[in-house]
Amino acid sequence: MRPYDRSSALHQRLVGQRLAAAFLPDLVWSGRSPTLALRRLPRGRSTRRIVTVVRRGGGEHPAVRACRNALHEAVTLLADGS
């Protein structure tokens, strides 16, 4: 059985309709061929906007904080030229 929930189904649907973009792990496909167009990121664009969204009250969860801190550290390292 593959992991699946409504929110991932919705996300895949929005991406399929070109209303959203996503970094989807291989686990989403569970050995099947992707049902969406996979595209490389364009060259020459040095910035991306990453937005994290959680349910109300979830922003202080340790996993969410760890993810957001890791993203912040990565941006800081890139900005410092490290």
N, C-alpha and C. Protein backbone atom coordinates (compact mmCIF):
# COMPACT_ATOMS: atom_id res chain seq x y z
N MET A 1 0.84 -1.16 0.00
CA MET A 1 0.00 0.00 0.00
C MET A 1 0.89 1.24 0.00
N ARG A 2 0.56 2.21 -0.81
CA ARG A 2 1.37 3.43 -0.85
C ARG A 2 0.74 4.51 0.00
N PRO A 3 1.59 5.36 0.62
CA PRO A 3 1.03 6.45 1.42
C PRO A 3 0.27 7.44 0.52
N TYR A 4 -0.87 7.87 0.98
CA TYR A 4 -1.69 8.76 0.15
C TYR A 4 -2.69 9.48 1.06
N ASP A 5 -2.87 10.74 0.86
CA ASP A 5 -3.91 11.45 1.59
C ASP A 5 -4.49 12.53 0.70
N ARG A 6 -5.54 13.14 1.16
CA ARG A 6 -6.22 14.14 0.33
C ARG A 6 -5.34 15.32 -0.01
N SER A 7 -4.51 15.76 0.94
CA SER A 7 -3.69 16.94 0.67
C SER A 7 -2.66 16.66 -0.42
N SER A 8 -2.08 15.47 -0.45
CA SER A 8 -1.12 15.17 -1.52
C SER A 8 -1.84 15.01 -2.85
N ALA A 9 -3.04 14.45 -2.82
CA ALA A 9 -3.82 14.32 -4.05
C ALA A 9 -4.18 15.70 -4.60
N LEU A 10 -4.57 16.60 -3.72
CA LEU A 10 -4.89 17.96 -4.13
C LEU A 10 -3.66 18.64 -4.72
N HIS A 11 -2.52 18.48 -4.05
CA HIS A 11 -1.29 19.11 -4.53
C HIS A 11 -0.93 18.59 -5.92
N GLN A 12 -1.00 17.28 -6.11
CA GLN A 12 -0.71 16.71 -7.43
C GLN A 12 -1.68 17.24 -8.48
N ARG A 13 -2.93 17.39 -8.10
CA ARG A 13 -3.93 17.90 -9.04
C ARG A 13 -3.64 19.34 -9.45
N LEU A 14 -3.28 20.19 -8.47
CA LEU A 14 -2.95 21.59 -8.76
C LEU A 14 -1.73 21.67 -9.67
N VAL A 15 -0.73 20.84 -9.40
CA VAL A 15 0.46 20.82 -10.26
C VAL A 15 0.08 20.36 -11.66
N GLY A 16 -0.74 19.33 -11.74
CA GLY A 16 -1.17 18.82 -13.04
C GLY A 16 -1.94 19.84 -13.86
N GLN A 17 -2.62 20.76 -13.19
CA GLN A 17 -3.37 21.80 -13.88
C GLN A 17 -2.55 23.07 -14.06
N ARG A 18 -1.26 22.99 -13.72
CA ARG A 18 -0.32 24.11 -13.83
C ARG A 18 -0.72 25.30 -12.96
N LEU A 19 -1.32 25.00 -11.82
CA LEU A 19 -1.70 26.05 -10.87
C LEU A 19 -0.74 26.09 -9.69
N ALA A 20 0.18 25.16 -9.64
CA ALA A 20 1.17 25.10 -8.56
C ALA A 20 2.41 24.38 -9.06
N ALA A 21 3.46 24.51 -8.30
CA ALA A 21 4.69 23.77 -8.57
C ALA A 21 5.03 22.99 -7.32
N ALA A 22 5.83 21.95 -7.47
CA ALA A 22 6.13 21.13 -6.30
C ALA A 22 7.44 20.39 -6.46
N PHE A 23 8.05 20.13 -5.34
CA PHE A 23 9.14 19.18 -5.26
C PHE A 23 8.50 17.90 -4.74
N LEU A 24 8.31 16.92 -5.60
CA LEU A 24 7.63 15.69 -5.21
C LEU A 24 8.64 14.56 -5.06
N PRO A 25 8.65 13.88 -3.92
CA PRO A 25 9.59 12.78 -3.73
C PRO A 25 9.21 11.58 -4.59
N ASP A 26 10.18 10.73 -4.87
CA ASP A 26 9.92 9.52 -5.66
C ASP A 26 8.85 8.64 -5.03
N LEU A 27 8.70 8.72 -3.71
CA LEU A 27 7.72 7.91 -3.01
C LEU A 27 6.30 8.18 -3.50
N VAL A 28 6.05 9.38 -4.00
CA VAL A 28 4.72 9.72 -4.50
C VAL A 28 4.31 8.79 -5.63
N TRP A 29 5.26 8.37 -6.43
CA TRP A 29 4.95 7.58 -7.61
C TRP A 29 4.91 6.08 -7.30
N SER A 30 5.52 5.65 -6.22
CA SER A 30 5.51 4.23 -5.81
C SER A 30 5.82 3.28 -6.96
N GLY A 31 6.87 3.58 -7.71
CA GLY A 31 7.28 2.70 -8.80
C GLY A 31 6.51 2.89 -10.09
N ARG A 32 5.49 3.74 -10.10
CA ARG A 32 4.74 4.01 -11.33
C ARG A 32 5.39 5.16 -12.08
N SER A 33 5.06 5.30 -13.33
CA SER A 33 5.55 6.44 -14.10
C SER A 33 4.85 7.70 -13.63
N PRO A 34 5.57 8.83 -13.56
CA PRO A 34 4.93 10.10 -13.15
C PRO A 34 3.77 10.46 -14.07
N THR A 35 2.74 11.01 -13.50
CA THR A 35 1.56 11.43 -14.27
C THR A 35 1.59 12.93 -14.56
N LEU A 36 2.67 13.58 -14.15
CA LEU A 36 2.83 15.02 -14.37
C LEU A 36 4.07 15.26 -15.19
N ALA A 37 4.12 16.41 -15.83
CA ALA A 37 5.33 16.78 -16.57
C ALA A 37 6.43 17.15 -15.58
N LEU A 38 7.57 16.51 -15.71
CA LEU A 38 8.71 16.83 -14.85
C LEU A 38 9.61 17.78 -15.62
N ARG A 39 9.97 18.88 -14.99
CA ARG A 39 10.76 19.91 -15.66
C ARG A 39 11.96 20.29 -14.81
N ARG A 40 13.05 20.59 -15.49
CA ARG A 40 14.22 21.10 -14.80
C ARG A 40 13.99 22.58 -14.49
N LEU A 41 14.60 23.03 -13.41
CA LEU A 41 14.52 24.45 -13.10
C LEU A 41 15.31 25.24 -14.12
N PRO A 42 14.86 26.43 -14.50
CA PRO A 42 15.56 27.22 -15.50
C PRO A 42 16.94 27.67 -15.01
N ARG A 43 17.89 27.69 -15.92
CA ARG A 43 19.24 28.18 -15.58
C ARG A 43 19.24 29.70 -15.57
N GLY A 44 20.17 30.25 -14.79
CA GLY A 44 20.33 31.69 -14.78
C GLY A 44 19.43 32.42 -13.80
N ARG A 45 18.52 31.73 -13.19
CA ARG A 45 17.67 32.37 -12.18
C ARG A 45 18.24 32.00 -10.83
N SER A 46 18.77 32.98 -10.15
CA SER A 46 19.50 32.69 -8.92
C SER A 46 18.64 32.72 -7.66
N THR A 47 17.38 33.04 -7.78
CA THR A 47 16.54 33.08 -6.58
C THR A 47 15.27 32.27 -6.79
N ARG A 48 14.78 31.78 -5.69
CA ARG A 48 13.51 31.07 -5.65
C ARG A 48 12.78 31.53 -4.40
N ARG A 49 11.49 31.51 -4.43
CA ARG A 49 10.69 31.81 -3.24
C ARG A 49 10.15 30.48 -2.73
N ILE A 50 10.45 30.20 -1.49
CA ILE A 50 9.95 28.98 -0.86
C ILE A 50 9.01 29.41 0.27
N VAL A 51 7.81 28.90 0.22
CA VAL A 51 6.82 29.22 1.23
C VAL A 51 6.47 27.93 1.96
N THR A 52 6.49 27.99 3.29
CA THR A 52 6.04 26.83 4.07
C THR A 52 4.70 27.18 4.70
N VAL A 53 3.80 26.23 4.66
CA VAL A 53 2.46 26.44 5.19
C VAL A 53 2.10 25.24 6.07
N VAL A 54 1.58 25.52 7.24
CA VAL A 54 1.11 24.46 8.14
C VAL A 54 -0.27 24.82 8.66
N ARG A 55 -0.92 23.83 9.19
CA ARG A 55 -2.23 24.09 9.79
C ARG A 55 -2.08 24.98 11.01
N ARG A 56 -3.14 25.69 11.35
CA ARG A 56 -3.14 26.58 12.51
C ARG A 56 -2.66 25.80 13.74
N GLY A 57 -1.74 26.40 14.46
CA GLY A 57 -1.21 25.77 15.65
C GLY A 57 -0.03 24.84 15.40
N GLY A 58 0.27 24.55 14.14
CA GLY A 58 1.34 23.60 13.83
C GLY A 58 2.70 24.23 13.65
N GLY A 59 2.76 25.56 13.64
CA GLY A 59 4.01 26.25 13.37
C GLY A 59 5.10 26.04 14.40
N GLU A 60 4.73 25.63 15.59
CA GLU A 60 5.72 25.41 16.64
C GLU A 60 6.11 23.94 16.80
N HIS A 61 5.58 23.08 15.94
CA HIS A 61 5.93 21.66 16.01
C HIS A 61 7.43 21.51 15.73
N PRO A 62 8.11 20.66 16.47
CA PRO A 62 9.57 20.51 16.29
C PRO A 62 9.99 20.19 14.85
N ALA A 63 9.23 19.38 14.14
CA ALA A 63 9.60 19.04 12.76
C ALA A 63 9.45 20.26 11.85
N VAL A 64 8.41 21.03 12.06
CA VAL A 64 8.19 22.24 11.25
C VAL A 64 9.29 23.25 11.54
N ARG A 65 9.59 23.44 12.81
CA ARG A 65 10.66 24.38 13.18
C ARG A 65 12.00 23.94 12.60
N ALA A 66 12.28 22.63 12.65
CA ALA A 66 13.55 22.12 12.11
C ALA A 66 13.64 22.36 10.61
N CYS A 67 12.55 22.14 9.90
CA CYS A 67 12.53 22.37 8.45
C CYS A 67 12.75 23.85 8.14
N ARG A 68 12.01 24.70 8.82
CA ARG A 68 12.13 26.14 8.57
C ARG A 68 13.52 26.66 8.96
N ASN A 69 14.07 26.14 10.05
CA ASN A 69 15.43 26.54 10.45
C ASN A 69 16.46 26.09 9.41
N ALA A 70 16.30 24.89 8.88
CA ALA A 70 17.23 24.39 7.86
C ALA A 70 17.16 25.24 6.61
N LEU A 71 15.95 25.62 6.20
CA LEU A 71 15.80 26.50 5.04
C LEU A 71 16.47 27.85 5.29
N HIS A 72 16.25 28.40 6.47
CA HIS A 72 16.84 29.70 6.82
C HIS A 72 18.36 29.62 6.82
N GLU A 73 18.91 28.54 7.39
CA GLU A 73 20.37 28.37 7.41
C GLU A 73 20.93 28.24 6.00
N ALA A 74 20.24 27.51 5.14
CA ALA A 74 20.72 27.36 3.77
C ALA A 74 20.74 28.69 3.03
N VAL A 75 19.70 29.49 3.22
CA VAL A 75 19.65 30.81 2.60
C VAL A 75 20.76 31.69 3.12
N THR A 76 20.99 31.64 4.43
CA THR A 76 22.04 32.44 5.05
C THR A 76 23.40 32.06 4.50
N LEU A 77 23.66 30.76 4.37
CA LEU A 77 24.94 30.28 3.83
C LEU A 77 25.13 30.76 2.38
N LEU A 78 24.07 30.68 1.59
CA LEU A 78 24.17 31.14 0.20
C LEU A 78 24.40 32.64 0.11
N ALA A 79 23.72 33.38 0.98
CA ALA A 79 23.86 34.84 0.98
C ALA A 79 25.28 35.25 1.39
N ASP A 80 25.89 34.46 2.30
CA ASP A 80 27.25 34.76 2.75
C ASP A 80 28.30 34.27 1.76
N GLY A 81 27.87 33.55 0.74
CA GLY A 81 28.80 33.04 -0.26
C GLY A 81 29.56 31.80 0.18
N SER A 82 29.09 31.15 1.21
CA SER A 82 29.76 29.94 1.71
C SER A 82 29.38 28.74 0.89
